Every structure is written in C-alpha cells, then in structure tokens.
C-alpha cells in the first residue's frame, strides 16, 4: 500500500486499522507526543501558517505535496517505502535468506537497541533547535527550519511504530522514554553526546544540518540494508526526507561564506566582522567543532557491537547491496584503521568485521569533504586568500581510540599544556559565540528580505517567486 491514508487519526500506509490493538497503543502514545511538541518543539510557532512539504505517497515520484499548514495541525504519521518482492538478505551469516517480517528472538535485544538509538536522535534535534525561530534570517530560512523540525518529529514516529508493532511491552516502554529524555537534561539526557549539545544560533544550525544530519543519512543508509524488512523500509522513506535537511545545511553555509566574501571584496577588508558578517575563521572553528562531534556519533573505531549487528544481518554498510568488492560477510577481510601507539599514529590492518564503524565514518568524511570543496570554490571565486579544511579525524574526539589524546587539526599529538594554549584558535570561544549571537538578535520577517550576515538563496522552494511569503503570521 503506497498511498498514505490521511483520513485516520494517525496517517499511515501500513493498514493500521487492521490491527486494532496496535492502533489503540499508538493512539494512546500520540497525546504524549503532542504535549512534547507543544512544550519542547519550536517556540512561538503555534499560530503560524507555514508552507510545508507533506508526504502523500511512498512512491518514488510525486511523493510529496506543498501547501500552507498550521504548525499544530501538521499530520505526523507512519510511512514505509514499498515492499520489495522476493527481497533477500544481502550480508552477514544469513546472506541469501528471505528478509524477516518479524524479529528473530535471538536478535531481539540488539535490534531494539539500534531502533531506540536512532529514534532518540529525532526529537533531540527538535529540542536543540527550538529557539531559532525567534532570530530567523528570513522567512525562507524559517520555513526550512520548521520543515526540518516536523520531519524529525515524523522520524520519531517511524521508530516508535516499530517498537510498538514488534517489541510488545518493552517497546512501549522505550517509546515512552523517548519523550522523557531531553537534550542537555542533567538527569535524563539524550543517548548520544552530539544531541545534548546546544544549537544556539543559525551558524550552528547550518553546521548541524550539514554534518550531524549527514551522519543520520549514513546511519539510516546502513539500517536500510537490514534483514528486518520493516526497519529497512522505514529508513528508506526517512532518507527521502533527510536529503532536504542536508541541503539546508549545505546551502546555508554556502550563503554565509558567499556573504562574507562579498563584503571582504567590496570593502577591501580582512576583517568582515566590522561590517556585521561572520568571518571565515569563525566559520572554520564552527566547522571543526561540528565535524568532530559528528564523527563521535559513529562510535568506537573497534566495536564488537557493530560486528555482531552486521553478522546478524541487522545493520549493514552504506549501500551494502551495491558493494561488489567483497563477499558481504567479511570473515577473512582486513581493513586499515588509524591507531595511536605511544606518541605516534599509524595505519594498522585489523579484521574488517571489527571496524565497521570506521568504514562508515570514512565514507561519511569523504562526502563532507565534497561539501567543503564546494565552499572553497566560492571563496576562490571571490578572490579571498582562505581555504576551509576538515580537521584531522582524531581532533577533539570524545569517543573511540582518540578520546584520551589531544590532537591538533593537522594531526599532531599535543600535551595537555599545548592543547590548552592553542584550543581557542581551533574551536569556537565564548567570544566567538557571543559575536555570532549579536548578529542574530531579531528575526527578519518581511518576504524577500534577508539578514545582513547571509546571502539570499540562489533558488527558491518549489520554484516560487523570490518574495514569496513562506510563513504567514496572524
């Protein structure tokens, strides 16, 4: 069933009405979700009409529609990509067997944990971004923020559905806990570190959507290979929506870079801060922070949990079914990883099954580098003598083999004293964040107008006029 039924209390394309017990359980969870959204979702948004994209089908083409929606009236629901006929497991010990529609008992705990970790990230990002609407640089950007927020809320629904449908009482309890944990809460924080960091300004938001949502793309892509078919189908549909989130980050950073370079060129200055725009050095510091925090999300370089999930067929590599260079079981394969030995870092060959996190992280880093290269082309085109760079993979890490070391952005091992002396050159300082915040004290709410610190987009949403009223206020 590809069409989405919006006539039901919970929109879905999984024939929810045919399972009354499941339907009642999800309808019992729904009020808690709405209360969470009203309390911790985007502030001051309840009266707004927002030009949003809403999924109408799970088909590859024409799957979404655009129109004004009152924020509290957005219809979150359960959408799975179409079931693939005769799909078989593409990796691990069960390679070649038919995919599972139910959870095998021996993998119940591990699979539930994977779903909970993914699900917990979705409401966390909404909580992190809830204050940004009050300082939006334009209606275009405000609309994009709200689009990201409502889709993250829907992604939570995707994981909650799986927990309710396949994990009984334990799944229902996990779904409740997702609404009880909150980003940055001292007593009940979110499960992963990056989702407890503050997102206090729009530069941080664009970095988050470029780097952290890109981690989400790779995690979802790995889960989309799962032998547990409902999870795979859920993640495939989530990836449709995730693409826009990364676009928001990529284009947002590009526009900040472009505005900075234009001001530097027009005013023949190396200090664009004097003209109320964000300088390239500060952009680099934010880049360093968000990239390193996002690298931690992939987990430890050597991980038995990742090996077990792969062997069981629960979580593959990104685009696993399309890989052609090995047997998709990896029992006799090696993979080279960077490790610290004494005061030296060196590449070491280790069993490939144990370093699947690192495999995924390396593919992620390659895609991040493509984005940085695009931003550098903008800088070069403007004639500015500066180049943004990804820091070394060991820089500022809090998870994995490098967490006990201080590493510079160019990969040098530092003493505690050296790190303390130089870290303010590499990571945003309190003064840097205060400066960025000082540019974002008031929202820009006139159609077609933009804050001084960011350039207008090169393309509108859905080919609309440049001065389109993306958000309507009462």
Protein backbone atom coordinates (compact mmCIF):
# COMPACT_ATOMS: atom_id res chain seq x y z
CA UNK A 1 0.00 0.00 0.00
CA UNK A 2 1.88 3.11 -1.23
CA UNK A 3 -0.76 5.81 -0.80
CA UNK A 4 -0.90 7.45 2.63
CA UNK A 5 -4.26 7.45 4.39
CA UNK A 6 -4.85 10.85 5.99
CA UNK A 7 -8.43 10.00 7.00
CA UNK A 8 -7.27 8.12 10.08
CA UNK A 9 -6.25 9.67 13.40
CA UNK A 10 -2.68 8.54 12.67
CA UNK A 11 -1.90 8.91 8.94
CA UNK A 12 -0.24 5.75 7.64
CA UNK A 13 0.35 3.41 4.72
CA UNK A 14 0.67 0.25 6.84
CA UNK A 15 -3.04 -0.64 7.11
CA UNK A 16 -3.01 0.33 10.76
CA UNK A 17 -6.82 -0.01 11.05
CA UNK A 18 -6.48 -3.77 10.51
CA UNK A 19 -4.56 -4.14 13.79
CA UNK A 20 -6.82 -2.61 16.43
CA UNK A 21 -4.54 -3.43 19.37
CA UNK A 22 -1.58 -1.71 17.74
CA UNK A 23 -3.75 1.20 16.65
CA UNK A 24 -5.01 1.73 20.21
CA UNK A 25 -1.48 1.58 21.62
CA UNK A 26 -0.19 4.19 19.19
CA UNK A 27 -3.23 6.41 19.74
CA UNK A 28 -2.51 6.19 23.48
CA UNK A 29 1.07 7.36 22.83
CA UNK A 30 0.01 10.17 20.49
CA UNK A 31 -1.16 12.70 23.16
CA UNK A 32 2.21 12.47 24.89
CA UNK A 33 3.92 13.25 21.61
CA UNK A 34 1.67 16.27 21.02
CA UNK A 35 2.35 17.52 24.55
CA UNK A 36 6.08 17.09 23.99
CA UNK A 37 5.85 19.03 20.71
CA UNK A 38 3.90 21.86 22.32
CA UNK A 39 6.34 22.09 25.23
CA UNK A 40 9.69 21.48 23.54
CA UNK A 41 9.04 21.99 19.82
CA UNK A 42 9.72 25.30 18.02
CA UNK A 43 8.73 28.26 20.19
CA UNK A 44 6.04 30.75 19.17
CA UNK A 45 5.01 28.64 16.17
CA UNK A 46 1.50 27.52 17.09
CA UNK A 47 -0.31 30.33 15.28
CA UNK A 48 1.78 30.27 12.11
CA UNK A 49 0.78 29.15 8.63
CA UNK A 50 3.88 27.55 7.12
CA UNK A 51 4.45 26.49 3.51
CA UNK A 52 5.44 22.88 4.20
CA UNK A 53 6.10 19.71 2.26
CA UNK A 54 3.83 16.83 3.30
CA UNK A 55 4.27 13.23 2.21
CA UNK A 56 1.31 11.90 0.22
CA UNK A 57 2.72 8.65 -1.13
CA UNK A 58 5.61 6.23 -0.71
CA UNK A 59 6.21 6.05 -4.46
CA UNK A 60 9.49 7.27 -5.89
CA UNK A 61 7.89 10.10 -7.89
CA UNK A 62 5.35 12.66 -6.79
CA UNK A 63 5.61 11.51 -3.19
CA UNK A 64 5.09 14.91 -1.55
CA UNK A 65 2.83 17.93 -1.80
CA UNK A 66 3.38 21.59 -0.78
CA UNK A 67 0.91 23.89 0.93
CA UNK A 68 0.23 26.05 3.96
CA UNK A 69 -0.19 24.17 7.22
CA UNK A 70 -0.88 25.46 10.71
CA UNK A 71 2.03 24.14 12.75
CA UNK A 72 -0.13 22.35 15.40
CA UNK A 73 -2.18 20.78 12.58
CA UNK A 74 0.75 19.02 10.89
CA UNK A 75 -0.17 15.34 10.44
CA UNK A 76 2.63 13.14 11.70
CA UNK A 77 2.28 9.51 10.70
CA UNK A 78 3.78 6.15 9.77
CA UNK A 79 5.15 5.76 6.25
CA UNK A 80 7.14 2.84 4.86
CA UNK A 81 8.64 2.51 1.40
CA UNK A 82 7.03 -0.15 -0.82
CA UNK A 83 7.88 -3.74 -0.02
CA UNK A 84 10.40 -5.22 -2.42
CA UNK A 85 9.19 -8.54 -3.81
CA UNK A 86 11.41 -11.55 -3.06
CA UNK A 87 13.98 -9.39 -1.26
CA UNK A 88 16.78 -11.42 0.34
CA UNK A 89 19.36 -10.62 3.00
CA UNK A 90 22.46 -9.18 1.36
CA UNK A 91 25.08 -9.60 4.11
CA UNK A 92 26.11 -11.45 7.26
CA UNK A 93 25.53 -15.04 8.33
CA UNK A 94 22.01 -15.08 6.84
CA UNK A 95 23.04 -13.80 3.43
CA UNK A 96 20.76 -15.11 0.69
CA UNK A 97 17.85 -15.96 3.00
CA UNK A 98 14.48 -14.18 2.71
CA UNK A 99 14.27 -10.98 4.76
CA UNK A 100 12.32 -11.08 8.02
CA UNK A 101 8.93 -9.51 8.63
CA UNK A 102 9.16 -10.32 12.35
CA UNK A 103 12.02 -10.04 14.81
CA UNK A 104 14.01 -13.25 15.40
CA UNK A 105 14.09 -13.93 19.13
CA UNK A 106 17.86 -14.24 19.34
CA UNK A 107 18.34 -10.72 17.94
CA UNK A 108 15.54 -9.01 19.82
CA UNK A 109 17.68 -7.05 22.29
CA UNK A 110 20.28 -5.85 19.80
CA UNK A 111 17.70 -4.80 17.23
CA UNK A 112 15.63 -2.94 19.80
CA UNK A 113 18.73 -1.05 20.89
CA UNK A 114 19.51 0.00 17.31
CA UNK A 115 15.96 1.31 16.84
CA UNK A 116 15.97 3.15 20.17
CA UNK A 117 19.27 4.90 19.47
CA UNK A 118 18.08 6.05 16.05
CA UNK A 119 14.70 7.11 17.41
CA UNK A 120 16.20 9.08 20.30
CA UNK A 121 18.12 11.37 17.94
CA UNK A 122 14.98 12.59 16.17
CA UNK A 123 13.21 14.52 18.97
CA UNK A 124 16.59 15.60 20.34
CA UNK A 125 17.35 17.76 17.31
CA UNK A 126 13.93 19.43 17.55
CA UNK A 127 14.68 20.30 21.17
CA UNK A 128 18.11 21.64 20.25
CA UNK A 129 16.67 23.93 17.57
CA UNK A 130 13.52 25.15 19.33
CA UNK A 131 14.63 28.77 19.95
CA UNK A 132 15.99 29.51 16.48
CA UNK A 133 12.73 30.81 15.03
CA UNK A 134 13.00 33.95 17.17
CA UNK A 135 16.16 35.01 15.31
CA UNK A 136 15.48 33.72 11.78
CA UNK A 137 17.39 35.49 8.97
CA UNK A 138 14.41 35.28 6.59
CA UNK A 139 11.02 33.67 6.06
CA UNK A 140 12.71 31.28 3.64
CA UNK A 141 15.03 30.07 6.40
CA UNK A 142 12.26 29.97 8.99
CA UNK A 143 10.23 27.74 6.70
CA UNK A 144 13.22 25.44 6.20
CA UNK A 145 13.77 25.22 9.95
CA UNK A 146 10.15 24.20 10.50
CA UNK A 147 10.32 21.68 7.65
CA UNK A 148 13.32 20.03 9.30
CA UNK A 149 11.57 20.07 12.67
CA UNK A 150 8.30 18.45 11.57
CA UNK A 151 10.15 15.76 9.62
CA UNK A 152 12.37 14.92 12.59
CA UNK A 153 9.15 14.53 14.56
CA UNK A 154 7.83 12.17 11.90
CA UNK A 155 11.05 10.17 12.01
CA UNK A 156 10.42 9.64 15.70
CA UNK A 157 7.03 8.21 14.76
CA UNK A 158 8.74 5.80 12.36
CA UNK A 159 10.84 4.26 15.13
CA UNK A 160 8.01 4.34 17.69
CA UNK A 161 5.82 2.37 15.27
CA UNK A 162 8.45 -0.36 15.02
CA UNK A 163 8.82 -0.52 18.80
CA UNK A 164 5.06 -0.79 19.34
CA UNK A 165 4.47 -3.21 16.48
CA UNK A 166 7.30 -5.66 17.16
CA UNK A 167 8.58 -5.39 20.74
CA UNK A 168 5.50 -5.59 22.95
CA UNK A 169 5.61 -4.06 26.42
CA UNK A 170 9.35 -3.38 26.24
CA UNK A 171 8.82 -1.46 23.00
CA UNK A 172 6.02 0.62 24.50
CA UNK A 173 8.21 1.47 27.49
CA UNK A 174 11.06 2.52 25.21
CA UNK A 175 8.68 4.76 23.24
CA UNK A 176 7.62 6.50 26.46
CA UNK A 177 11.25 7.03 27.48
CA UNK A 178 11.93 8.84 24.20
CA UNK A 179 9.54 11.56 25.37
CA UNK A 180 11.03 11.64 28.88
CA UNK A 181 14.67 12.17 27.85
CA UNK A 182 15.53 15.71 26.77
CA UNK A 183 18.53 17.27 25.06
CA UNK A 184 21.01 18.58 27.62
CA UNK A 185 18.95 17.44 30.62
CA UNK A 186 21.20 16.73 33.62
CA UNK A 187 19.14 13.79 34.86
CA UNK A 188 17.70 12.36 31.63
CA UNK A 189 19.88 13.43 28.70
CA UNK A 190 19.64 12.10 25.16
CA UNK A 191 21.62 8.92 24.50
CA UNK A 192 24.29 10.35 22.17
CA UNK A 193 26.60 13.24 23.00
CA UNK A 194 26.04 15.39 19.92
CA UNK A 195 22.33 15.52 20.71
CA UNK A 196 22.96 17.10 24.10
CA UNK A 197 24.96 20.00 22.64
CA UNK A 198 23.33 23.41 22.35
CA UNK A 199 22.35 24.81 18.95
CA UNK A 200 22.11 28.47 19.97
CA UNK A 201 22.49 30.23 16.63
CA UNK A 202 21.89 29.78 12.93
CA UNK A 203 25.51 29.11 12.02
CA UNK A 204 25.39 26.18 14.47
CA UNK A 205 22.09 25.08 12.92
CA UNK A 206 23.52 25.02 9.40
CA UNK A 207 26.59 23.13 10.63
CA UNK A 208 24.33 20.67 12.46
CA UNK A 209 22.17 20.02 9.41
CA UNK A 210 25.22 19.60 7.19
CA UNK A 211 27.38 17.45 9.48
CA UNK A 212 25.11 15.80 12.05
CA UNK A 213 22.17 15.16 9.73
CA UNK A 214 24.69 13.70 7.29
CA UNK A 215 25.67 11.22 9.98
CA UNK A 216 21.95 10.46 10.11
CA UNK A 217 21.96 9.78 6.38
CA UNK A 218 24.74 7.23 6.72
CA UNK A 219 23.20 5.56 9.78
CA UNK A 220 19.83 5.33 8.05
CA UNK A 221 21.51 4.05 4.91
CA UNK A 222 23.15 1.25 6.90
CA UNK A 223 19.86 0.37 8.63
CA UNK A 224 18.06 0.46 5.28
CA UNK A 225 20.04 -2.69 4.39
CA UNK A 226 18.66 -4.55 7.42
CA UNK A 227 17.33 -8.09 7.16
CA UNK A 228 14.42 -6.86 9.33
CA UNK A 229 12.34 -5.58 6.45
CA UNK A 230 10.04 -3.15 8.32
CA UNK A 231 13.11 -1.31 9.63
CA UNK A 232 14.70 -1.22 6.18
CA UNK A 233 11.54 0.12 4.58
CA UNK A 234 11.09 2.75 7.32
CA UNK A 235 14.65 4.01 6.84
CA UNK A 236 14.35 4.15 3.06
CA UNK A 237 11.41 6.52 3.37
CA UNK A 238 13.20 8.58 6.04
CA UNK A 239 16.11 9.05 3.64
CA UNK A 240 13.75 10.81 1.22
CA UNK A 241 13.09 13.46 3.83
CA UNK A 242 16.64 13.58 5.21
CA UNK A 243 18.02 14.88 1.90
CA UNK A 244 16.34 18.25 2.42
CA UNK A 245 17.88 18.60 5.88
CA UNK A 246 21.39 18.28 4.46
CA UNK A 247 20.52 20.71 1.66
CA UNK A 248 19.54 23.27 4.30
CA UNK A 249 22.95 22.92 5.93
CA UNK A 250 25.00 22.91 2.74
CA UNK A 251 23.21 25.86 1.17
CA UNK A 252 23.09 27.79 4.46
CA UNK A 253 26.85 27.59 4.97
CA UNK A 254 27.39 28.45 1.31
CA UNK A 255 25.29 31.59 1.70
CA UNK A 256 27.19 32.70 4.84
CA UNK A 257 30.51 32.10 3.08
CA UNK A 258 29.32 33.99 0.00
CA UNK A 259 28.14 36.97 2.04
CA UNK A 260 31.45 37.12 3.94
CA UNK A 261 33.49 37.01 0.75
CA UNK A 262 31.34 39.64 -0.95
CA UNK A 263 31.81 42.02 1.99
CA UNK A 264 35.58 41.41 2.09
CA UNK A 265 35.89 42.09 -1.63
CA UNK A 266 33.57 45.10 -1.78
CA UNK A 267 35.17 46.79 1.22
CA UNK A 268 38.73 45.58 0.65
CA UNK A 269 38.93 44.33 4.20
CA UNK A 270 40.32 41.30 6.00
CA UNK A 271 38.01 41.95 8.95
CA UNK A 272 34.42 41.45 7.76
CA UNK A 273 33.20 41.42 11.38
CA UNK A 274 33.36 45.21 11.26
CA UNK A 275 30.60 45.06 8.64
CA UNK A 276 28.32 42.74 10.60
CA UNK A 277 29.06 39.42 8.87
CA UNK A 278 30.63 36.19 10.07
CA UNK A 279 34.33 35.85 9.20
CA UNK A 280 35.85 32.76 7.63
CA UNK A 281 37.98 31.99 10.69
CA UNK A 282 34.87 31.71 12.85
CA UNK A 283 33.20 29.54 10.21
CA UNK A 284 36.25 27.26 10.33
CA UNK A 285 36.02 26.98 14.12
CA UNK A 286 32.35 26.03 13.98
CA UNK A 287 33.18 23.53 11.22
CA UNK A 288 35.90 21.97 13.41
CA UNK A 289 33.53 21.57 16.33
CA UNK A 290 30.51 20.15 14.50
CA UNK A 291 32.55 17.80 12.33
CA UNK A 292 34.42 16.32 15.30
CA UNK A 293 31.27 15.94 17.40
CA UNK A 294 29.53 14.25 14.47
CA UNK A 295 32.43 11.83 13.97
CA UNK A 296 31.83 10.60 17.52
CA UNK A 297 28.30 9.56 16.55
CA UNK A 298 29.68 6.63 14.55
CA UNK A 299 31.02 5.06 17.75
CA UNK A 300 34.34 3.47 18.62
CA UNK A 301 36.73 2.52 15.85
CA UNK A 302 36.81 -1.10 17.06
CA UNK A 303 33.35 -2.35 18.00
CA UNK A 304 32.08 -5.84 18.73
CA UNK A 305 28.50 -4.49 18.78
CA UNK A 306 28.84 -3.30 15.18
CA UNK A 307 30.37 -6.65 14.20
CA UNK A 308 27.52 -8.54 15.87
CA UNK A 309 24.88 -6.37 14.17
CA UNK A 310 26.48 -6.96 10.78
CA UNK A 311 26.89 -10.71 11.25
CA UNK A 312 23.27 -10.98 12.37
CA UNK A 313 22.11 -9.05 9.31
CA UNK A 314 20.64 -6.18 11.35
CA UNK A 315 22.80 -3.27 10.13
CA UNK A 316 24.94 -3.32 7.03
CA UNK A 317 27.33 -0.90 5.43
CA UNK A 318 26.08 2.10 3.48
CA UNK A 319 24.63 0.81 0.18
CA UNK A 320 25.66 -2.71 1.19
CA UNK A 321 23.73 -4.46 -1.59
CA UNK A 322 25.55 -2.40 -4.23
CA UNK A 323 29.07 -3.16 -2.99
CA UNK A 324 30.95 -5.60 -5.23
CA UNK A 325 34.48 -5.82 -3.83
CA UNK A 326 33.96 -8.50 -1.12
CA UNK A 327 31.71 -11.37 -0.04
CA UNK A 328 29.47 -9.28 2.30
CA UNK A 329 30.41 -11.49 5.23
CA UNK A 330 33.91 -10.12 5.90
CA UNK A 331 35.13 -13.08 7.93
CA UNK A 332 38.50 -13.13 6.19
CA UNK A 333 38.73 -9.45 5.23
CA UNK A 334 41.04 -6.78 6.66
CA UNK A 335 40.54 -3.02 6.90
CA UNK A 336 43.14 -0.35 7.64
CA UNK A 337 42.47 1.96 10.61
CA UNK A 338 44.45 4.76 12.23
CA UNK A 339 45.56 4.00 15.77
CA UNK A 340 47.77 5.66 18.39
CA UNK A 341 50.81 3.78 19.63
CA UNK A 342 52.80 5.69 22.21
CA UNK A 343 53.26 9.13 20.71
CA UNK A 344 52.81 8.02 17.10
CA UNK A 345 49.72 7.48 14.92
CA UNK A 346 49.94 4.76 12.30
CA UNK A 347 47.68 2.79 9.96
CA UNK A 348 47.06 -0.79 11.10
CA UNK A 349 45.27 -3.64 9.34
CA UNK A 350 42.59 -5.22 11.56
CA UNK A 351 39.69 -7.64 10.90
CA UNK A 352 37.13 -5.77 8.82
CA UNK A 353 34.22 -7.05 10.91
CA UNK A 354 35.50 -5.22 13.98
CA UNK A 355 35.84 -1.78 12.35
CA UNK A 356 32.54 -1.32 10.54
CA UNK A 357 32.01 1.96 12.38
CA UNK A 358 35.25 3.25 10.92
CA UNK A 359 34.27 2.08 7.44
CA UNK A 360 31.05 4.08 7.69
CA UNK A 361 32.85 7.08 9.20
CA UNK A 362 35.39 7.18 6.38
CA UNK A 363 32.67 7.21 3.72
CA UNK A 364 30.93 9.99 5.65
CA UNK A 365 34.16 12.03 5.78
CA UNK A 366 34.58 11.75 2.03
CA UNK A 367 31.14 13.23 1.48
CA UNK A 368 31.81 16.01 4.00
CA UNK A 369 35.00 16.85 2.10
CA UNK A 370 32.97 17.31 -1.08
CA UNK A 371 30.92 19.96 0.69
CA UNK A 372 34.00 21.78 1.98
CA UNK A 373 35.43 21.78 -1.53
CA UNK A 374 32.24 23.43 -2.81
CA UNK A 375 32.54 26.19 -0.21
CA UNK A 376 36.20 26.71 -1.11
CA UNK A 377 35.27 27.22 -4.75
CA UNK A 378 33.03 30.10 -3.64
CA UNK A 379 35.92 31.59 -1.67
CA UNK A 380 38.32 31.23 -4.59
CA UNK A 381 35.80 32.75 -7.00
CA UNK A 382 35.65 35.85 -4.80
CA UNK A 383 39.45 36.08 -4.76
CA UNK A 384 39.79 35.63 -1.00
CA UNK A 385 43.01 34.10 0.33
CA UNK A 386 41.50 31.47 2.64
CA UNK A 387 40.69 27.80 2.48
CA UNK A 388 38.30 25.89 4.75
CA UNK A 389 39.51 22.45 5.80
CA UNK A 390 38.21 19.37 7.56
CA UNK A 391 40.24 18.82 10.73
CA UNK A 392 42.06 15.56 11.32
CA UNK A 393 39.78 12.65 12.21
CA UNK A 394 41.35 12.44 15.69
CA UNK A 395 40.77 16.12 16.52
CA UNK A 396 38.55 16.89 19.54
CA UNK A 397 37.21 13.36 19.79
CA UNK A 398 35.30 12.19 22.89
CA UNK A 399 34.51 8.65 21.69
CA UNK A 400 36.81 5.91 20.42
CA UNK A 401 40.57 5.39 20.28
CA UNK A 402 41.40 9.12 20.27
CA UNK A 403 39.27 10.25 23.22
CA UNK A 404 42.22 10.22 25.65
CA UNK A 405 44.50 12.27 23.38
CA UNK A 406 44.79 15.88 22.37
CA UNK A 407 45.24 16.07 18.60
CA UNK A 408 45.65 19.25 16.56
CA UNK A 409 43.59 19.86 13.40
CA UNK A 410 46.61 18.85 11.31
CA UNK A 411 47.07 15.58 13.21
CA UNK A 412 49.82 16.31 15.74
CA UNK A 413 49.68 14.74 19.20
CA UNK A 414 49.79 17.51 21.82
CA UNK A 415 50.44 17.69 25.54
CA UNK A 416 47.73 18.96 27.87
CA UNK A 417 49.56 22.28 28.12
CA UNK A 418 49.89 22.66 24.34
CA UNK A 419 46.20 21.90 23.87
CA UNK A 420 45.11 24.47 26.45
CA UNK A 421 47.34 27.08 24.86
CA UNK A 422 46.00 26.56 21.34
CA UNK A 423 42.44 25.20 21.51
CA UNK A 424 40.87 28.68 21.26
CA UNK A 425 42.46 29.00 17.82
CA UNK A 426 40.58 25.91 16.65
CA UNK A 427 37.24 25.78 18.48
CA UNK A 428 34.59 28.49 18.97
CA UNK A 429 35.28 30.58 22.05
CA UNK A 430 32.65 32.23 24.22
CA UNK A 431 33.55 35.49 22.49
CA UNK A 432 33.06 33.92 19.06
CA UNK A 433 29.63 32.64 20.01
CA UNK A 434 28.67 35.99 21.52
CA UNK A 435 29.68 37.75 18.32
CA UNK A 436 27.63 35.37 16.17
CA UNK A 437 24.68 35.76 18.55
CA UNK A 438 25.00 39.56 18.37
CA UNK A 439 24.20 39.40 14.65
CA UNK A 440 21.03 37.42 15.32
CA UNK A 441 19.11 39.41 17.90
CA UNK A 442 15.97 40.00 15.83
CA UNK A 443 14.09 37.97 13.21
CA UNK A 444 13.75 39.13 9.61
CA UNK A 445 10.09 38.56 8.81
CA UNK A 446 9.43 40.54 5.61
CA UNK A 447 9.04 38.42 2.44
CA UNK A 448 12.10 38.57 0.19
CA UNK A 449 14.34 40.21 2.82
CA UNK A 450 17.42 38.66 4.45
CA UNK A 451 19.66 39.41 7.41
CA UNK A 452 22.87 41.24 6.63
CA UNK A 453 25.06 38.27 7.58
CA UNK A 454 23.69 35.82 4.98
CA UNK A 455 23.22 35.97 1.21
CA UNK A 456 19.84 35.18 -0.38
CA UNK A 457 19.41 31.65 -1.77
CA UNK A 458 20.15 31.05 -5.42
CA UNK A 459 16.92 29.06 -5.80
CA UNK A 460 13.53 29.24 -4.10
CA UNK A 461 11.44 26.41 -2.68
CA UNK A 462 9.23 24.73 -5.31
CA UNK A 463 10.18 27.39 -7.91
CA UNK A 464 8.26 30.12 -6.08
CA UNK A 465 8.86 33.89 -6.51
CA UNK A 466 11.82 35.37 -4.61
CA UNK A 467 9.49 37.38 -2.34
CA UNK A 468 7.11 34.52 -1.58
CA UNK A 469 5.56 34.59 1.91
CA UNK A 470 6.81 31.24 3.19
CA UNK A 471 5.43 31.87 6.69
CA UNK A 472 2.25 33.79 7.49
CA UNK A 473 1.81 35.46 10.87
CA UNK A 474 -1.53 36.26 12.48
